[in-house]
Amino acid sequence: MEYEVIGAQGAIDFGPKTEVAEVLQNIRTILTTMKYSVPLDREFGLSATMLDEPIPKAQAALSAEIVSAIQKFEPRAKVTFVGFVESDHYDGILIPKVKVRIRDTT
């Protein structure tokens, strides 16, 4: 089964009821955390090196960064698609939309 995660802030569930809910929340956390902002793990999250780049170049760089970060920090998920929520390019805001499959861990 494939799940979609939008990179936008949301409520944190400190006791997810299922492993799938936990994995999806972890992915959302990866998508909304900038590298170097987590004191005990400075490598956690996404790099901001694509900031101020043209939108197409930023999308390509961010897509690669997302796949790499999810592989590293949430190995139970396999990324099948990375896209972006439609927005006005004049705003310069990229909100990632990621589709994943959850690997069987049993």
PDB file of N, CA and C in Angstrom:
ATOM      1  N   MET A   1       0.843  -1.180   0.000  1.00  0.00           N
ATOM      2  CA  MET A   1       0.000   0.000   0.000  1.00  0.00           C
ATOM      3  C   MET A   1       0.891   1.247   0.000  1.00  0.00           C
ATOM      4  N   GLU A   2       0.433   2.256  -0.721  1.00  0.00           N
ATOM      5  CA  GLU A   2       1.190   3.493  -0.835  1.00  0.00           C
ATOM      6  C   GLU A   2       0.529   4.589   0.000  1.00  0.00           C
ATOM      7  N   TYR A   3       1.356   5.393   0.667  1.00  0.00           N
ATOM      8  CA  TYR A   3       0.867   6.481   1.521  1.00  0.00           C
ATOM      9  C   TYR A   3       1.468   7.792   1.046  1.00  0.00           C
ATOM     10  N   GLU A   4       0.714   8.875   1.237  1.00  0.00           N
ATOM     11  CA  GLU A   4       1.189  10.203   0.850  1.00  0.00           C
ATOM     12  C   GLU A   4       1.434  11.038   2.096  1.00  0.00           C
ATOM     13  N   VAL A   5       2.561  11.733   2.111  1.00  0.00           N
ATOM     14  CA  VAL A   5       2.918  12.599   3.232  1.00  0.00           C
ATOM     15  C   VAL A   5       3.193  13.988   2.668  1.00  0.00           C
ATOM     16  N   ILE A   6       2.566  14.987   3.253  1.00  0.00           N
ATOM     17  CA  ILE A   6       2.791  16.378   2.871  1.00  0.00           C
ATOM     18  C   ILE A   6       3.741  16.998   3.888  1.00  0.00           C
ATOM     19  N   GLY A   7       4.736  17.696   3.407  1.00  0.00           N
ATOM     20  CA  GLY A   7       5.732  18.322   4.282  1.00  0.00           C
ATOM     21  C   GLY A   7       5.220  19.607   4.887  1.00  0.00           C
ATOM     22  N   ALA A   8       4.271  19.489   5.779  1.00  0.00           N
ATOM     23  CA  ALA A   8       3.719  20.657   6.470  1.00  0.00           C
ATOM     24  C   ALA A   8       3.610  20.318   7.951  1.00  0.00           C
ATOM     25  N   GLN A   9       3.729  21.331   8.779  1.00  0.00           N
ATOM     26  CA  GLN A   9       3.637  21.113  10.225  1.00  0.00           C
ATOM     27  C   GLN A   9       2.294  20.493  10.587  1.00  0.00           C
ATOM     28  N   GLY A  10       2.305  19.634  11.574  1.00  0.00           N
ATOM     29  CA  GLY A  10       1.092  19.007  12.060  1.00  0.00           C
ATOM     30  C   GLY A  10       1.255  18.661  13.523  1.00  0.00           C
ATOM     31  N   ALA A  11       0.185  18.193  14.111  1.00  0.00           N
ATOM     32  CA  ALA A  11       0.229  17.803  15.519  1.00  0.00           C
ATOM     33  C   ALA A  11       1.122  16.571  15.682  1.00  0.00           C
ATOM     34  N   ILE A  12       1.830  16.515  16.786  1.00  0.00           N
ATOM     35  CA  ILE A  12       2.697  15.378  17.080  1.00  0.00           C
ATOM     36  C   ILE A  12       1.933  14.398  17.948  1.00  0.00           C
ATOM     37  N   ASP A  13       1.943  13.144  17.536  1.00  0.00           N
ATOM     38  CA  ASP A  13       1.309  12.077  18.301  1.00  0.00           C
ATOM     39  C   ASP A  13       2.425  11.312  19.010  1.00  0.00           C
ATOM     40  N   PHE A  14       2.538  11.477  20.321  1.00  0.00           N
ATOM     41  CA  PHE A  14       3.621  10.845  21.068  1.00  0.00           C
ATOM     42  C   PHE A  14       3.397   9.358  21.300  1.00  0.00           C
ATOM     43  N   GLY A  15       2.228   8.863  20.929  1.00  0.00           N
ATOM     44  CA  GLY A  15       1.939   7.441  21.052  1.00  0.00           C
ATOM     45  C   GLY A  15       1.154   6.942  19.859  1.00  0.00           C
ATOM     46  N   PRO A  16       1.791   6.920  18.673  1.00  0.00           N
ATOM     47  CA  PRO A  16       1.061   6.466  17.489  1.00  0.00           C
ATOM     48  C   PRO A  16       0.489   5.068  17.709  1.00  0.00           C
ATOM     49  N   LYS A  17      -0.726   4.863  17.231  1.00  0.00           N
ATOM     50  CA  LYS A  17      -1.424   3.593  17.461  1.00  0.00           C
ATOM     51  C   LYS A  17      -0.877   2.457  16.600  1.00  0.00           C
ATOM     52  N   THR A  18      -0.300   2.798  15.432  1.00  0.00           N
ATOM     53  CA  THR A  18       0.215   1.765  14.538  1.00  0.00           C
ATOM     54  C   THR A  18       1.631   2.123  14.090  1.00  0.00           C
ATOM     55  N   GLU A  19       2.328   1.128  13.590  1.00  0.00           N
ATOM     56  CA  GLU A  19       3.664   1.364  13.065  1.00  0.00           C
ATOM     57  C   GLU A  19       3.598   2.248  11.823  1.00  0.00           C
ATOM     58  N   VAL A  20       2.571   2.076  11.011  1.00  0.00           N
ATOM     59  CA  VAL A  20       2.416   2.911   9.814  1.00  0.00           C
ATOM     60  C   VAL A  20       2.267   4.377  10.212  1.00  0.00           C
ATOM     61  N   ALA A  21       1.446   4.662  11.216  1.00  0.00           N
ATOM     62  CA  ALA A  21       1.265   6.039  11.684  1.00  0.00           C
ATOM     63  C   ALA A  21       2.587   6.604  12.194  1.00  0.00           C
ATOM     64  N   GLU A  22       3.370   5.786  12.868  1.00  0.00           N
ATOM     65  CA  GLU A  22       4.674   6.213  13.376  1.00  0.00           C
ATOM     66  C   GLU A  22       5.631   6.548  12.233  1.00  0.00           C
ATOM     67  N   VAL A  23       5.701   5.690  11.232  1.00  0.00           N
ATOM     68  CA  VAL A  23       6.588   5.907  10.088  1.00  0.00           C
ATOM     69  C   VAL A  23       6.187   7.177   9.340  1.00  0.00           C
ATOM     70  N   LEU A  24       4.896   7.357   9.097  1.00  0.00           N
ATOM     71  CA  LEU A  24       4.425   8.537   8.369  1.00  0.00           C
ATOM     72  C   LEU A  24       4.712   9.817   9.148  1.00  0.00           C
ATOM     73  N   GLN A  25       4.543   9.767  10.449  1.00  0.00           N
ATOM     74  CA  GLN A  25       4.869  10.934  11.278  1.00  0.00           C
ATOM     75  C   GLN A  25       6.371  11.219  11.235  1.00  0.00           C
ATOM     76  N   ASN A  26       7.194  10.175  11.252  1.00  0.00           N
ATOM     77  CA  ASN A  26       8.635  10.353  11.176  1.00  0.00           C
ATOM     78  C   ASN A  26       9.035  11.003   9.847  1.00  0.00           C
ATOM     79  N   ILE A  27       8.393  10.597   8.767  1.00  0.00           N
ATOM     80  CA  ILE A  27       8.685  11.187   7.463  1.00  0.00           C
ATOM     81  C   ILE A  27       8.292  12.655   7.444  1.00  0.00           C
ATOM     82  N   ARG A  28       7.128  12.972   7.992  1.00  0.00           N
ATOM     83  CA  ARG A  28       6.708  14.376   8.057  1.00  0.00           C
ATOM     84  C   ARG A  28       7.712  15.194   8.879  1.00  0.00           C
ATOM     85  N   THR A  29       8.236  14.607   9.935  1.00  0.00           N
ATOM     86  CA  THR A  29       9.235  15.294  10.752  1.00  0.00           C
ATOM     87  C   THR A  29      10.516  15.541   9.953  1.00  0.00           C
ATOM     88  N   ILE A  30      10.936  14.558   9.179  1.00  0.00           N
ATOM     89  CA  ILE A  30      12.116  14.725   8.330  1.00  0.00           C
ATOM     90  C   ILE A  30      11.885  15.866   7.340  1.00  0.00           C
ATOM     91  N   LEU A  31      10.702  15.909   6.738  1.00  0.00           N
ATOM     92  CA  LEU A  31      10.396  16.909   5.714  1.00  0.00           C
ATOM     93  C   LEU A  31      10.307  18.326   6.268  1.00  0.00           C
ATOM     94  N   THR A  32      10.040  18.452   7.547  1.00  0.00           N
ATOM     95  CA  THR A  32       9.845  19.788   8.129  1.00  0.00           C
ATOM     96  C   THR A  32      10.994  20.228   9.037  1.00  0.00           C
ATOM     97  N   THR A  33      12.100  19.475   9.033  1.00  0.00           N
ATOM     98  CA  THR A  33      13.239  19.806   9.882  1.00  0.00           C
ATOM     99  C   THR A  33      14.442  20.172   9.010  1.00  0.00           C
ATOM    100  N   MET A  34      15.048  21.291   9.306  1.00  0.00           N
ATOM    101  CA  MET A  34      16.252  21.708   8.597  1.00  0.00           C
ATOM    102  C   MET A  34      17.484  21.109   9.265  1.00  0.00           C
ATOM    103  N   LYS A  35      18.437  20.678   8.446  1.00  0.00           N
ATOM    104  CA  LYS A  35      19.704  20.178   8.981  1.00  0.00           C
ATOM    105  C   LYS A  35      20.322  21.219   9.901  1.00  0.00           C
ATOM    106  N   TYR A  36      21.050  20.750  10.882  1.00  0.00           N
ATOM    107  CA  TYR A  36      21.771  21.557  11.869  1.00  0.00           C
ATOM    108  C   TYR A  36      20.855  22.185  12.908  1.00  0.00           C
ATOM    109  N   SER A  37      19.550  21.902  12.872  1.00  0.00           N
ATOM    110  CA  SER A  37      18.641  22.494  13.850  1.00  0.00           C
ATOM    111  C   SER A  37      18.352  21.559  15.028  1.00  0.00           C
ATOM    112  N   VAL A  38      18.776  20.304  14.942  1.00  0.00           N
ATOM    113  CA  VAL A  38      18.544  19.332  16.019  1.00  0.00           C
ATOM    114  C   VAL A  38      19.839  19.203  16.815  1.00  0.00           C
ATOM    115  N   PRO A  39      19.853  19.648  18.067  1.00  0.00           N
ATOM    116  CA  PRO A  39      21.099  19.712  18.843  1.00  0.00           C
ATOM    117  C   PRO A  39      21.893  18.408  18.937  1.00  0.00           C
ATOM    118  N   LEU A  40      21.251  17.279  19.119  1.00  0.00           N
ATOM    119  CA  LEU A  40      22.005  16.038  19.311  1.00  0.00           C
ATOM    120  C   LEU A  40      22.210  15.252  18.026  1.00  0.00           C
ATOM    121  N   ASP A  41      21.671  15.738  16.921  1.00  0.00           N
ATOM    122  CA  ASP A  41      21.876  15.091  15.625  1.00  0.00           C
ATOM    123  C   ASP A  41      21.823  16.158  14.542  1.00  0.00           C
ATOM    124  N   ARG A  42      22.911  16.863  14.352  1.00  0.00           N
ATOM    125  CA  ARG A  42      22.968  17.992  13.420  1.00  0.00           C
ATOM    126  C   ARG A  42      22.730  17.578  11.973  1.00  0.00           C
ATOM    127  N   GLU A  43      22.901  16.302  11.645  1.00  0.00           N
ATOM    128  CA  GLU A  43      22.694  15.829  10.272  1.00  0.00           C
ATOM    129  C   GLU A  43      21.238  15.476   9.977  1.00  0.00           C
ATOM    130  N   PHE A  44      20.391  15.449  10.989  1.00  0.00           N
ATOM    131  CA  PHE A  44      18.984  15.078  10.796  1.00  0.00           C
ATOM    132  C   PHE A  44      18.242  16.176  10.028  1.00  0.00           C
ATOM    133  N   GLY A  45      17.405  15.775   9.075  1.00  0.00           N
ATOM    134  CA  GLY A  45      16.570  16.718   8.350  1.00  0.00           C
ATOM    135  C   GLY A  45      17.071  16.987   6.948  1.00  0.00           C
ATOM    136  N   LEU A  46      16.597  18.079   6.371  1.00  0.00           N
ATOM    137  CA  LEU A  46      16.903  18.439   4.994  1.00  0.00           C
ATOM    138  C   LEU A  46      17.807  19.662   4.939  1.00  0.00           C
ATOM    139  N   SER A  47      18.709  19.657   3.986  1.00  0.00           N
ATOM    140  CA  SER A  47      19.613  20.774   3.780  1.00  0.00           C
ATOM    141  C   SER A  47      18.863  21.957   3.177  1.00  0.00           C
ATOM    142  N   ALA A  48      19.355  23.143   3.433  1.00  0.00           N
ATOM    143  CA  ALA A  48      18.756  24.356   2.862  1.00  0.00           C
ATOM    144  C   ALA A  48      19.659  24.956   1.799  1.00  0.00           C
ATOM    145  N   THR A  49      20.535  24.147   1.220  1.00  0.00           N
ATOM    146  CA  THR A  49      21.476  24.662   0.231  1.00  0.00           C
ATOM    147  C   THR A  49      20.797  25.137  -1.040  1.00  0.00           C
ATOM    148  N   MET A  50      19.568  24.677  -1.282  1.00  0.00           N
ATOM    149  CA  MET A  50      18.871  25.073  -2.509  1.00  0.00           C
ATOM    150  C   MET A  50      18.075  26.371  -2.338  1.00  0.00           C
ATOM    151  N   LEU A  51      18.180  26.957  -1.176  1.00  0.00           N
ATOM    152  CA  LEU A  51      17.506  28.225  -0.912  1.00  0.00           C
ATOM    153  C   LEU A  51      17.981  29.278  -1.910  1.00  0.00           C
ATOM    154  N   ASP A  52      17.078  30.053  -2.421  1.00  0.00           N
ATOM    155  CA  ASP A  52      17.360  31.129  -3.374  1.00  0.00           C
ATOM    156  C   ASP A  52      17.746  30.646  -4.773  1.00  0.00           C
ATOM    157  N   GLU A  53      17.629  29.355  -5.028  1.00  0.00           N
ATOM    158  CA  GLU A  53      17.860  28.832  -6.377  1.00  0.00           C
ATOM    159  C   GLU A  53      16.573  28.984  -7.192  1.00  0.00           C
ATOM    160  N   PRO A  54      16.656  28.971  -8.513  1.00  0.00           N
ATOM    161  CA  PRO A  54      15.439  28.965  -9.322  1.00  0.00           C
ATOM    162  C   PRO A  54      14.588  27.740  -8.967  1.00  0.00           C
ATOM    163  N   ILE A  55      13.277  27.897  -9.051  1.00  0.00           N
ATOM    164  CA  ILE A  55      12.358  26.834  -8.606  1.00  0.00           C
ATOM    165  C   ILE A  55      12.685  25.464  -9.224  1.00  0.00           C
ATOM    166  N   PRO A  56      12.876  25.335 -10.533  1.00  0.00           N
ATOM    167  CA  PRO A  56      13.167  24.001 -11.086  1.00  0.00           C
ATOM    168  C   PRO A  56      14.436  23.369 -10.502  1.00  0.00           C
ATOM    169  N   LYS A  57      15.473  24.176 -10.333  1.00  0.00           N
ATOM    170  CA  LYS A  57      16.725  23.668  -9.759  1.00  0.00           C
ATOM    171  C   LYS A  57      16.522  23.291  -8.291  1.00  0.00           C
ATOM    172  N   ALA A  58      15.790  24.102  -7.553  1.00  0.00           N
ATOM    173  CA  ALA A  58      15.509  23.819  -6.138  1.00  0.00           C
ATOM    174  C   ALA A  58      14.685  22.542  -5.999  1.00  0.00           C
ATOM    175  N   GLN A  59      13.696  22.345  -6.881  1.00  0.00           N
ATOM    176  CA  GLN A  59      12.875  21.131  -6.824  1.00  0.00           C
ATOM    177  C   GLN A  59      13.725  19.885  -7.049  1.00  0.00           C
ATOM    178  N   ALA A  60      14.613  19.932  -8.019  1.00  0.00           N
ATOM    179  CA  ALA A  60      15.477  18.785  -8.300  1.00  0.00           C
ATOM    180  C   ALA A  60      16.389  18.482  -7.110  1.00  0.00           C
ATOM    181  N   ALA A  61      17.012  19.510  -6.576  1.00  0.00           N
ATOM    182  CA  ALA A  61      17.924  19.315  -5.440  1.00  0.00           C
ATOM    183  C   ALA A  61      17.174  18.833  -4.203  1.00  0.00           C
ATOM    184  N   LEU A  62      16.012  19.416  -3.952  1.00  0.00           N
ATOM    185  CA  LEU A  62      15.229  19.033  -2.778  1.00  0.00           C
ATOM    186  C   LEU A  62      14.688  17.611  -2.919  1.00  0.00           C
ATOM    187  N   SER A  63      14.297  17.226  -4.122  1.00  0.00           N
ATOM    188  CA  SER A  63      13.817  15.855  -4.354  1.00  0.00           C
ATOM    189  C   SER A  63      14.892  14.840  -3.994  1.00  0.00           C
ATOM    190  N   ALA A  64      16.117  15.073  -4.466  1.00  0.00           N
ATOM    191  CA  ALA A  64      17.227  14.167  -4.153  1.00  0.00           C
ATOM    192  C   ALA A  64      17.512  14.153  -2.656  1.00  0.00           C
ATOM    193  N   GLU A  65      17.466  15.309  -2.043  1.00  0.00           N
ATOM    194  CA  GLU A  65      17.706  15.432  -0.605  1.00  0.00           C
ATOM    195  C   GLU A  65      16.651  14.659   0.191  1.00  0.00           C
ATOM    196  N   ILE A  66      15.406  14.734  -0.232  1.00  0.00           N
ATOM    197  CA  ILE A  66      14.304  14.042   0.449  1.00  0.00           C
ATOM    198  C   ILE A  66      14.491  12.535   0.393  1.00  0.00           C
ATOM    199  N   VAL A  67      14.776  12.014  -0.785  1.00  0.00           N
ATOM    200  CA  VAL A  67      14.964  10.566  -0.931  1.00  0.00           C
ATOM    201  C   VAL A  67      16.113  10.096  -0.048  1.00  0.00           C
ATOM    202  N   SER A  68      17.207  10.817  -0.082  1.00  0.00           N
ATOM    203  CA  SER A  68      18.380  10.451   0.717  1.00  0.00           C
ATOM    204  C   SER A  68      18.087  10.489   2.216  1.00  0.00           C
ATOM    205  N   ALA A  69      17.425  11.540   2.670  1.00  0.00           N
ATOM    206  CA  ALA A  69      17.129  11.689   4.103  1.00  0.00           C
ATOM    207  C   ALA A  69      16.167  10.602   4.591  1.00  0.00           C
ATOM    208  N   ILE A  70      15.165  10.274   3.789  1.00  0.00           N
ATOM    209  CA  ILE A  70      14.209   9.231   4.212  1.00  0.00           C
ATOM    210  C   ILE A  70      14.906   7.875   4.239  1.00  0.00           C
ATOM    211  N   GLN A  71      15.758   7.603   3.267  1.00  0.00           N
ATOM    212  CA  GLN A  71      16.507   6.342   3.285  1.00  0.00           C
ATOM    213  C   GLN A  71      17.367   6.238   4.543  1.00  0.00           C
ATOM    214  N   LYS A  72      17.971   7.338   4.920  1.00  0.00           N
ATOM    215  CA  LYS A  72      18.882   7.334   6.068  1.00  0.00           C
ATOM    216  C   LYS A  72      18.149   7.279   7.407  1.00  0.00           C
ATOM    217  N   PHE A  73      17.110   8.106   7.569  1.00  0.00           N
ATOM    218  CA  PHE A  73      16.490   8.272   8.881  1.00  0.00           C
ATOM    219  C   PHE A  73      15.208   7.466   9.097  1.00  0.00           C
ATOM    220  N   GLU A  74      14.600   6.957   8.020  1.00  0.00           N
ATOM    221  CA  GLU A  74      13.397   6.124   8.177  1.00  0.00           C
ATOM    222  C   GLU A  74      13.466   4.974   7.171  1.00  0.00           C
ATOM    223  N   PRO A  75      14.349   3.996   7.455  1.00  0.00           N
ATOM    224  CA  PRO A  75      14.568   2.896   6.512  1.00  0.00           C
ATOM    225  C   PRO A  75      13.359   1.973   6.333  1.00  0.00           C
ATOM    226  N   ARG A  76      12.350   2.117   7.177  1.00  0.00           N
ATOM    227  CA  ARG A  76      11.147   1.289   7.002  1.00  0.00           C
ATOM    228  C   ARG A  76      10.292   1.757   5.834  1.00  0.00           C
ATOM    229  N   ALA A  77      10.609   2.931   5.268  1.00  0.00           N
ATOM    230  CA  ALA A  77       9.831   3.482   4.161  1.00  0.00           C
ATOM    231  C   ALA A  77      10.665   3.487   2.885  1.00  0.00           C
ATOM    232  N   LYS A  78       9.995   3.246   1.777  1.00  0.00           N
ATOM    233  CA  LYS A  78      10.631   3.326   0.461  1.00  0.00           C
ATOM    234  C   LYS A  78       9.916   4.412  -0.334  1.00  0.00           C
ATOM    235  N   VAL A  79      10.643   5.416  -0.750  1.00  0.00           N
ATOM    236  CA  VAL A  79      10.070   6.537  -1.499  1.00  0.00           C
ATOM    237  C   VAL A  79       9.729   6.073  -2.912  1.00  0.00           C
ATOM    238  N   THR A  80       8.489   6.313  -3.336  1.00  0.00           N
ATOM    239  CA  THR A  80       8.067   5.955  -4.686  1.00  0.00           C
ATOM    240  C   THR A  80       7.811   7.187  -5.553  1.00  0.00           C
ATOM    241  N   PHE A  81       7.652   8.355  -4.923  1.00  0.00           N
ATOM    242  CA  PHE A  81       7.365   9.577  -5.682  1.00  0.00           C
ATOM    243  C   PHE A  81       7.688  10.791  -4.815  1.00  0.00           C
ATOM    244  N   VAL A  82       8.286  11.789  -5.435  1.00  0.00           N
ATOM    245  CA  VAL A  82       8.479  13.080  -4.773  1.00  0.00           C
ATOM    246  C   VAL A  82       7.937  14.148  -5.711  1.00  0.00           C
ATOM    247  N   GLY A  83       6.999  14.914  -5.212  1.00  0.00           N
ATOM    248  CA  GLY A  83       6.435  16.020  -5.967  1.00  0.00           C
ATOM    249  C   GLY A  83       6.298  17.213  -5.034  1.00  0.00           C
ATOM    250  N   PHE A  84       5.604  18.211  -5.497  1.00  0.00           N
ATOM    251  CA  PHE A  84       5.430  19.408  -4.685  1.00  0.00           C
ATOM    252  C   PHE A  84       3.998  19.895  -4.799  1.00  0.00           C
ATOM    253  N   VAL A  85       3.458  20.375  -3.689  1.00  0.00           N
ATOM    254  CA  VAL A  85       2.122  20.937  -3.663  1.00  0.00           C
ATOM    255  C   VAL A  85       2.132  22.155  -4.570  1.00  0.00           C
ATOM    256  N   GLU A  86       1.123  22.279  -5.388  1.00  0.00           N
ATOM    257  CA  GLU A  86       1.050  23.424  -6.301  1.00  0.00           C
ATOM    258  C   GLU A  86       1.012  24.724  -5.509  1.00  0.00           C
ATOM    259  N   SER A  87       1.869  25.644  -5.896  1.00  0.00           N
ATOM    260  CA  SER A  87       1.862  26.956  -5.267  1.00  0.00           C
ATOM    261  C   SER A  87       2.304  27.980  -6.300  1.00  0.00           C
ATOM    262  N   ASP A  88       2.094  29.199  -5.998  1.00  0.00           N
ATOM    263  CA  ASP A  88       2.494  30.289  -6.873  1.00  0.00           C
ATOM    264  C   ASP A  88       4.012  30.404  -6.831  1.00  0.00           C
ATOM    265  N   HIS A  89       4.676  30.250  -7.964  1.00  0.00           N
ATOM    266  CA  HIS A  89       6.139  30.304  -7.996  1.00  0.00           C
ATOM    267  C   HIS A  89       6.684  31.649  -7.544  1.00  0.00           C
ATOM    268  N   TYR A  90       5.848  32.677  -7.587  1.00  0.00           N
ATOM    269  CA  TYR A  90       6.308  33.987  -7.131  1.00  0.00           C
ATOM    270  C   TYR A  90       6.543  34.001  -5.625  1.00  0.00           C
ATOM    271  N   ASP A  91       5.835  33.126  -4.909  1.00  0.00           N
ATOM    272  CA  ASP A  91       6.017  33.043  -3.458  1.00  0.00           C
ATOM    273  C   ASP A  91       7.345  32.376  -3.104  1.00  0.00           C
ATOM    274  N   GLY A  92       7.836  31.518  -3.988  1.00  0.00           N
ATOM    275  CA  GLY A  92       9.089  30.815  -3.735  1.00  0.00           C
ATOM    276  C   GLY A  92       8.983  29.766  -2.647  1.00  0.00           C
ATOM    277  N   ILE A  93       7.774  29.236  -2.439  1.00  0.00           N
ATOM    278  CA  ILE A  93       7.551  28.241  -1.390  1.00  0.00           C
ATOM    279  C   ILE A  93       7.399  26.867  -2.025  1.00  0.00           C
ATOM    280  N   LEU A  94       8.192  25.919  -1.558  1.00  0.00           N
ATOM    281  CA  LEU A  94       8.082  24.540  -2.013  1.00  0.00           C
ATOM    282  C   LEU A  94       7.621  23.672  -0.853  1.00  0.00           C
ATOM    283  N   ILE A  95       6.467  23.055  -1.005  1.00  0.00           N
ATOM    284  CA  ILE A  95       5.953  22.137   0.010  1.00  0.00           C
ATOM    285  C   ILE A  95       6.011  20.738  -0.586  1.00  0.00           C
ATOM    286  N   PRO A  96       6.887  19.885  -0.061  1.00  0.00           N
ATOM    287  CA  PRO A  96       7.032  18.556  -0.644  1.00  0.00           C
ATOM    288  C   PRO A  96       5.822  17.667  -0.399  1.00  0.00           C
ATOM    289  N   LYS A  97       5.559  16.834  -1.402  1.00  0.00           N
ATOM    290  CA  LYS A  97       4.514  15.815  -1.323  1.00  0.00           C
ATOM    291  C   LYS A  97       5.201  14.504  -1.702  1.00  0.00           C
ATOM    292  N   VAL A  98       5.278  13.582  -0.744  1.00  0.00           N
ATOM    293  CA  VAL A  98       6.042  12.353  -0.925  1.00  0.00           C
ATOM    294  C   VAL A  98       5.119  11.150  -0.803  1.00  0.00           C
ATOM    295  N   LYS A  99       5.289  10.204  -1.717  1.00  0.00           N
ATOM    296  CA  LYS A  99       4.566   8.937  -1.622  1.00  0.00           C
ATOM    297  C   LYS A  99       5.572   7.867  -1.234  1.00  0.00           C
ATOM    298  N   VAL A 100       5.155   7.019  -0.289  1.00  0.00           N
ATOM    299  CA  VAL A 100       6.042   5.966   0.208  1.00  0.00           C
ATOM    300  C   VAL A 100       5.289   4.653   0.349  1.00  0.00           C
ATOM    301  N   ARG A 101       6.048   3.596   0.330  1.00  0.00           N
ATOM    302  CA  ARG A 101       5.548   2.269   0.713  1.00  0.00           C
ATOM    303  C   ARG A 101       6.258   1.911   2.013  1.00  0.00           C
ATOM    304  N   ILE A 102       5.507   1.322   2.922  1.00  0.00           N
ATOM    305  CA  ILE A 102       6.078   0.906   4.208  1.00  0.00           C
ATOM    306  C   ILE A 102       6.569  -0.534   4.064  1.00  0.00           C
ATOM    307  N   ARG A 103       7.838  -0.734   4.393  1.00  0.00           N
ATOM    308  CA  ARG A 103       8.418  -2.079   4.300  1.00  0.00           C
ATOM    309  C   ARG A 103       7.938  -2.940   5.459  1.00  0.00           C
ATOM    310  N   ASP A 104       7.737  -4.196   5.175  1.00  0.00           N
ATOM    311  CA  ASP A 104       7.312  -5.146   6.200  1.00  0.00           C
ATOM    312  C   ASP A 104       8.468  -5.387   7.159  1.00  0.00           C
ATOM    313  N   THR A 105       8.257  -5.086   8.433  1.00  0.00           N
ATOM    314  CA  THR A 105       9.325  -5.233   9.421  1.00  0.00           C
ATOM    315  C   THR A 105       9.106  -6.437  10.331  1.00  0.00           C
ATOM    316  N   THR A 106       8.120  -7.250  10.021  1.00  0.00           N
ATOM    317  CA  THR A 106       7.867  -8.415  10.871  1.00  0.00           C
ATOM    318  C   THR A 106       8.646  -9.614  10.445  1.00  0.00           C
TER     319      THR A 106
END
